[in-house]
C-alpha atoms as a PDB file:
ATOM      1  CA  MET A   1      -6.268 -16.619  -8.649  1.00  0.00           C
ATOM      2  CA  ARG A   2      -2.904 -17.310 -10.126  1.00  0.00           C
ATOM      3  CA  ARG A   3       0.733 -17.106  -9.312  1.00  0.00           C
ATOM      4  CA  ALA A   4       2.981 -14.465 -10.694  1.00  0.00           C
ATOM      5  CA  ARG A   5       5.407 -17.364 -11.524  1.00  0.00           C
ATOM      6  CA  ASP A   6       2.847 -18.709 -14.018  1.00  0.00           C
ATOM      7  CA  ILE A   7       2.948 -15.401 -15.925  1.00  0.00           C
ATOM      8  CA  ILE A   8       6.723 -15.383 -16.222  1.00  0.00           C
ATOM      9  CA  GLY A   9       7.730 -16.742 -19.660  1.00  0.00           C
ATOM     10  CA  LEU A  10       4.323 -16.226 -21.357  1.00  0.00           C
ATOM     11  CA  PRO A  11       4.358 -14.818 -24.859  1.00  0.00           C
ATOM     12  CA  VAL A  12       3.054 -11.280 -25.406  1.00  0.00           C
ATOM     13  CA  LEU A  13       1.079 -10.851 -28.553  1.00  0.00           C
ATOM     14  CA  SER A  14      -0.224  -7.886 -30.430  1.00  0.00           C
ATOM     15  CA  LEU A  15      -4.012  -7.608 -30.640  1.00  0.00           C
ATOM     16  CA  LYS A  16      -3.663  -5.445 -33.809  1.00  0.00           C
ATOM     17  CA  SER A  17      -1.348  -7.750 -35.861  1.00  0.00           C
ATOM     18  CA  GLY A  18      -1.076 -11.027 -33.935  1.00  0.00           C
ATOM     19  CA  ASP A  19       2.713 -10.648 -33.954  1.00  0.00           C
ATOM     20  CA  PRO A  20       4.757 -11.717 -30.952  1.00  0.00           C
ATOM     21  CA  ILE A  21       6.193  -8.793 -29.072  1.00  0.00           C
ATOM     22  CA  GLY A  22       8.287 -10.701 -26.534  1.00  0.00           C
ATOM     23  CA  TRP A  23       8.056 -12.732 -23.377  1.00  0.00           C
ATOM     24  CA  VAL A  24       7.250 -11.733 -19.746  1.00  0.00           C
ATOM     25  CA  GLN A  25      10.524 -11.670 -17.861  1.00  0.00           C
ATOM     26  CA  ASP A  26       9.218 -10.128 -14.726  1.00  0.00           C
ATOM     27  CA  VAL A  27       6.054  -8.744 -13.108  1.00  0.00           C
ATOM     28  CA  VAL A  28       6.298  -5.269 -11.391  1.00  0.00           C
ATOM     29  CA  PHE A  29       4.081  -4.463  -8.303  1.00  0.00           C
ATOM     30  CA  ASP A  30       3.093  -1.462  -6.364  1.00  0.00           C
ATOM     31  CA  PRO A  31       3.017  -2.862  -2.798  1.00  0.00           C
ATOM     32  CA  LYS A  32       1.277   0.244  -1.300  1.00  0.00           C
ATOM     33  CA  ASP A  33      -1.623  -0.086  -3.772  1.00  0.00           C
ATOM     34  CA  GLN A  34      -1.423  -3.868  -4.008  1.00  0.00           C
ATOM     35  CA  LYS A  35      -1.570  -3.668  -7.779  1.00  0.00           C
ATOM     36  CA  VAL A  36       0.350  -4.829 -10.792  1.00  0.00           C
ATOM     37  CA  ASN A  37       2.103  -1.859 -12.477  1.00  0.00           C
ATOM     38  CA  GLY A  38       3.321  -3.805 -15.561  1.00  0.00           C
ATOM     39  CA  MET A  39       5.333  -6.530 -17.184  1.00  0.00           C
ATOM     40  CA  ILE A  40       9.098  -6.442 -17.982  1.00  0.00           C
ATOM     41  CA  LEU A  41       9.653  -8.071 -21.249  1.00  0.00           C
ATOM     42  CA  GLU A  42      12.433 -10.095 -22.647  1.00  0.00           C
ATOM     43  CA  ASN A  43      13.188  -9.480 -26.327  1.00  0.00           C
ATOM     44  CA  GLY A  44      16.797  -9.410 -27.414  1.00  0.00           C
ATOM     45  CA  HIS A  45      17.305  -5.858 -28.353  1.00  0.00           C
ATOM     46  CA  LEU A  46      14.228  -3.877 -27.591  1.00  0.00           C
ATOM     47  CA  PHE A  47      13.631  -4.079 -23.895  1.00  0.00           C
ATOM     48  CA  HIS A  48      15.899  -3.450 -20.961  1.00  0.00           C
ATOM     49  CA  SER A  49      15.725  -4.181 -17.255  1.00  0.00           C
ATOM     50  CA  SER A  50      13.139  -1.407 -16.299  1.00  0.00           C
ATOM     51  CA  LYS A  51      11.426  -1.078 -19.700  1.00  0.00           C
ATOM     52  CA  GLY A  52       8.244  -2.939 -20.298  1.00  0.00           C
ATOM     53  CA  LEU A  53       4.476  -2.680 -20.637  1.00  0.00           C
ATOM     54  CA  PRO A  54       2.208  -0.891 -18.321  1.00  0.00           C
ATOM     55  CA  ARG A  55      -0.663  -3.028 -16.987  1.00  0.00           C
ATOM     56  CA  SER A  56      -3.087  -0.666 -18.814  1.00  0.00           C
ATOM     57  CA  ALA A  57      -1.608  -1.660 -22.174  1.00  0.00           C
ATOM     58  CA  ILE A  58      -2.472  -5.303 -21.545  1.00  0.00           C
ATOM     59  CA  ASP A  59      -5.879  -6.177 -22.892  1.00  0.00           C
ATOM     60  CA  ALA A  60      -5.939  -9.860 -21.569  1.00  0.00           C
ATOM     61  CA  ALA A  61      -3.792 -11.848 -19.264  1.00  0.00           C
ATOM     62  CA  GLY A  62      -4.725 -15.287 -20.341  1.00  0.00           C
ATOM     63  CA  LYS A  63      -3.484 -18.742 -19.164  1.00  0.00           C
ATOM     64  CA  ASP A  64      -1.211 -19.117 -22.195  1.00  0.00           C
ATOM     65  CA  ALA A  65      -0.369 -15.545 -23.424  1.00  0.00           C
ATOM     66  CA  LEU A  66      -0.762 -11.924 -22.779  1.00  0.00           C
ATOM     67  CA  ILE A  67      -2.607  -9.896 -25.408  1.00  0.00           C
ATOM     68  CA  VAL A  68      -1.768  -6.193 -25.689  1.00  0.00           C
ATOM     69  CA  LYS A  69      -3.710  -3.434 -27.428  1.00  0.00           C
ATOM     70  CA  ASP A  70      -0.846  -1.000 -27.684  1.00  0.00           C
ATOM     71  CA  ASN A  71       2.937  -1.730 -27.817  1.00  0.00           C
ATOM     72  CA  VAL A  72       3.584   1.137 -25.360  1.00  0.00           C
ATOM     73  CA  VAL A  73       7.107   0.608 -23.923  1.00  0.00           C
ATOM     74  CA  GLN A  74       8.022   2.670 -20.905  1.00  0.00           C
ATOM     75  CA  ASP A  75       9.835   2.518 -17.546  1.00  0.00           C
ATOM     76  CA  ILE A  76       7.867   0.385 -15.128  1.00  0.00           C
ATOM     77  CA  MET A  77       8.348   1.430 -11.497  1.00  0.00           C
ATOM     78  CA  GLY A  78       7.900  -0.753  -8.521  1.00  0.00           C
ATOM     79  CA  ILE A  79       9.051  -3.910  -6.888  1.00  0.00           C
ATOM     80  CA  LYS A  80       9.855  -6.827  -9.261  1.00  0.00           C
ATOM     81  CA  TRP A  81       8.570 -10.330  -8.560  1.00  0.00           C
ATOM     82  CA  SER A  82      12.191 -11.652  -8.742  1.00  0.00           C
ATOM     83  CA  GLU A  83      13.045  -9.185  -5.918  1.00  0.00           C
ATOM     84  CA  LYS A  84      10.194 -10.312  -3.780  1.00  0.00           C
ATOM     85  CA  VAL A  85      10.835 -14.098  -3.935  1.00  0.00           C
ATOM     86  CA  GLY A  86      13.014 -15.094  -1.012  1.00  0.00           C
ATOM     87  CA  ASN A  87      11.929 -12.149   1.285  1.00  0.00           C
ATOM     88  CA  GLN A  88      11.417 -13.055   4.911  1.00  0.00           C
ATOM     89  CA  VAL A  89       8.124 -13.026   6.553  1.00  0.00           C
ATOM     90  CA  PHE A  90       7.786 -12.016  10.233  1.00  0.00           C
ATOM     91  CA  THR A  91       4.813 -11.426  12.530  1.00  0.00           C
ATOM     92  CA  GLN A  92       4.350  -8.048  14.116  1.00  0.00           C
ATOM     93  CA  GLY A  93       5.709  -9.571  17.326  1.00  0.00           C
ATOM     94  CA  GLY A  94       9.003 -10.609  15.676  1.00  0.00           C
ATOM     95  CA  GLU A  95       8.391 -14.305  14.900  1.00  0.00           C
ATOM     96  CA  ALA A  96       9.620 -15.771  11.683  1.00  0.00           C
ATOM     97  CA  ARG A  97       7.044 -17.205   9.422  1.00  0.00           C
ATOM     98  CA  GLY A  98       9.226 -18.358   6.457  1.00  0.00           C
ATOM     99  CA  THR A  99      10.098 -16.796   3.022  1.00  0.00           C
ATOM    100  CA  ILE A 100       8.079 -15.699   0.159  1.00  0.00           C
ATOM    101  CA  GLN A 101       8.069 -18.152  -2.704  1.00  0.00           C
ATOM    102  CA  ASP A 102       5.499 -16.535  -4.918  1.00  0.00           C
ATOM    103  CA  VAL A 103       2.904 -13.784  -5.195  1.00  0.00           C
ATOM    104  CA  PHE A 104      -0.730 -14.606  -5.735  1.00  0.00           C
ATOM    105  CA  LEU A 105      -2.640 -12.332  -8.114  1.00  0.00           C
ATOM    106  CA  ASP A 106      -6.343 -12.147  -8.948  1.00  0.00           C
ATOM    107  CA  ASP A 107      -7.472 -13.922 -12.148  1.00  0.00           C
ATOM    108  CA  SER A 108      -6.987 -10.788 -14.277  1.00  0.00           C
ATOM    109  CA  ALA A 109      -3.429 -10.197 -12.971  1.00  0.00           C
ATOM    110  CA  ASP A 110      -4.449  -6.705 -11.757  1.00  0.00           C
ATOM    111  CA  ARG A 111      -4.084  -6.990  -8.084  1.00  0.00           C
ATOM    112  CA  ILE A 112      -2.044  -8.825  -5.342  1.00  0.00           C
ATOM    113  CA  VAL A 113      -4.126 -11.359  -3.435  1.00  0.00           C
ATOM    114  CA  GLY A 114      -1.501 -12.771  -1.124  1.00  0.00           C
ATOM    115  CA  PHE A 115       1.755 -14.666  -0.761  1.00  0.00           C
ATOM    116  CA  GLU A 116       2.956 -18.200  -1.028  1.00  0.00           C
ATOM    117  CA  VAL A 117       5.350 -18.937   1.918  1.00  0.00           C
ATOM    118  CA  SER A 118       7.816 -21.664   2.599  1.00  0.00           C
ATOM    119  CA  ASP A 119       9.295 -22.607   5.931  1.00  0.00           C
ATOM    120  CA  GLY A 120      12.053 -24.770   4.159  1.00  0.00           C
ATOM    121  CA  LEU A 121      12.298 -27.885   2.152  1.00  0.00           C
ATOM    122  CA  PHE A 122      11.364 -30.389   4.945  1.00  0.00           C
ATOM    123  CA  SER A 123       8.355 -28.243   5.914  1.00  0.00           C
ATOM    124  CA  ASP A 124       7.329 -27.907   2.203  1.00  0.00           C
ATOM    125  CA  VAL A 125       7.430 -31.803   1.956  1.00  0.00           C
ATOM    126  CA  LEU A 126       5.650 -32.489   5.289  1.00  0.00           C
ATOM    127  CA  GLN A 127       2.970 -29.840   5.270  1.00  0.00           C
ATOM    128  CA  GLY A 128       3.274 -28.038   1.984  1.00  0.00           C
ATOM    129  CA  ARG A 129       3.800 -24.352   1.382  1.00  0.00           C
ATOM    130  CA  GLY A 130       1.416 -21.915   3.218  1.00  0.00           C
ATOM    131  CA  ALA A 131      -0.282 -18.714   2.206  1.00  0.00           C
ATOM    132  CA  ILE A 132      -0.842 -15.349   3.713  1.00  0.00           C
ATOM    133  CA  LEU A 133      -3.674 -13.182   2.379  1.00  0.00           C
ATOM    134  CA  GLN A 134      -3.067  -9.617   1.575  1.00  0.00           C
ATOM    135  CA  GLU A 135      -5.521  -8.348   4.215  1.00  0.00           C
ATOM    136  CA  ASN A 136      -3.252  -9.787   6.902  1.00  0.00           C
ATOM    137  CA  VAL A 137      -0.189  -7.983   5.733  1.00  0.00           C
ATOM    138  CA  MET A 138       0.819  -5.048   8.008  1.00  0.00           C
ATOM    139  CA  VAL A 139       3.898  -3.951   6.118  1.00  0.00           C
ATOM    140  CA  ASP A 140       5.031  -4.925   2.651  1.00  0.00           C
ATOM    141  CA  GLY A 141       8.590  -3.685   2.679  1.00  0.00           C
ATOM    142  CA  LYS A 142      11.271  -3.922   0.058  1.00  0.00           C
ATOM    143  CA  ASP A 143      13.032  -6.874   1.800  1.00  0.00           C
ATOM    144  CA  VAL A 144      10.559  -8.028   4.464  1.00  0.00           C
ATOM    145  CA  LEU A 145       6.885  -8.792   4.954  1.00  0.00           C
ATOM    146  CA  ILE A 146       5.384  -8.123   8.418  1.00  0.00           C
ATOM    147  CA  VAL A 147       2.010  -9.968   9.072  1.00  0.00           C
ATOM    148  CA  ASP A 148      -0.420  -9.912  11.962  1.00  0.00           C
ATOM    149  CA  ASP A 149       0.619 -11.927  15.103  1.00  0.00           C
ATOM    150  CA  GLN A 150      -2.293 -14.268  14.698  1.00  0.00           C
ATOM    151  CA  VAL A 151      -1.487 -15.368  11.055  1.00  0.00           C
ATOM    152  CA  SER A 152       0.151 -18.626  10.365  1.00  0.00           C
ATOM    153  CA  PRO A 153       0.588 -19.577   6.659  1.00  0.00           C
ATOM    154  CA  TRP A 154      -0.138 -23.249   7.621  1.00  0.00           C
ATOM    155  CA  ASP A 155      -3.156 -22.726   9.734  1.00  0.00           C
ATOM    156  CA  HIS A 156      -5.876 -23.784   7.315  1.00  0.00           C
ATOM    157  CA  GLY A 157      -8.673 -23.233   9.759  1.00  0.00           C
ATOM    158  CA  LYS A 158      -8.144 -19.485  10.197  1.00  0.00           C
ATOM    159  CA  GLU A 159      -8.229 -16.658   7.711  1.00  0.00           C
ATOM    160  CA  GLY A 160      -4.865 -16.125   6.129  1.00  0.00           C
ATOM    161  CA  GLY A 161      -3.880 -19.701   6.220  1.00  0.00           C
ATOM    162  CA  SER A 162      -4.735 -21.199   2.936  1.00  0.00           C
ATOM    163  CA  LEU A 163      -5.545 -20.016  -0.606  1.00  0.00           C
ATOM    164  CA  SER A 164      -5.924 -23.522  -2.009  1.00  0.00           C
END
């Protein structure tokens, strides 16, 4: 498992030539399918806000770089990681559970596994950030995440509490 934040800033290298193509500026998700659609790249003149590489063009999502087989640039549709961070988390019953601080992905950066949640600075210092597993998410909206009433990001004894 890895955080989307750890992918931001990674270099993107061509498998054919070894040349750098750019850097990951943002990760784009499809919340309905819980998958990664692609990566928006930062590269002075070539890429723009919705242009990037589809996930299918990425051969490997390593710890230190992304390797692409084809330099296919296209519009990447979905919700950006930068738009997801800061969204509020509520239970189905209307109780606040904090805000999203990051998105957890599987090791291959193909699918969403869950969300890192904060209940504020003091809570982060005292008990750390919590986690909500994807299977406990009822609604993954544009600006809000609604989870099962029984889920607490800091309840390490129950499913949905901790990913670490």
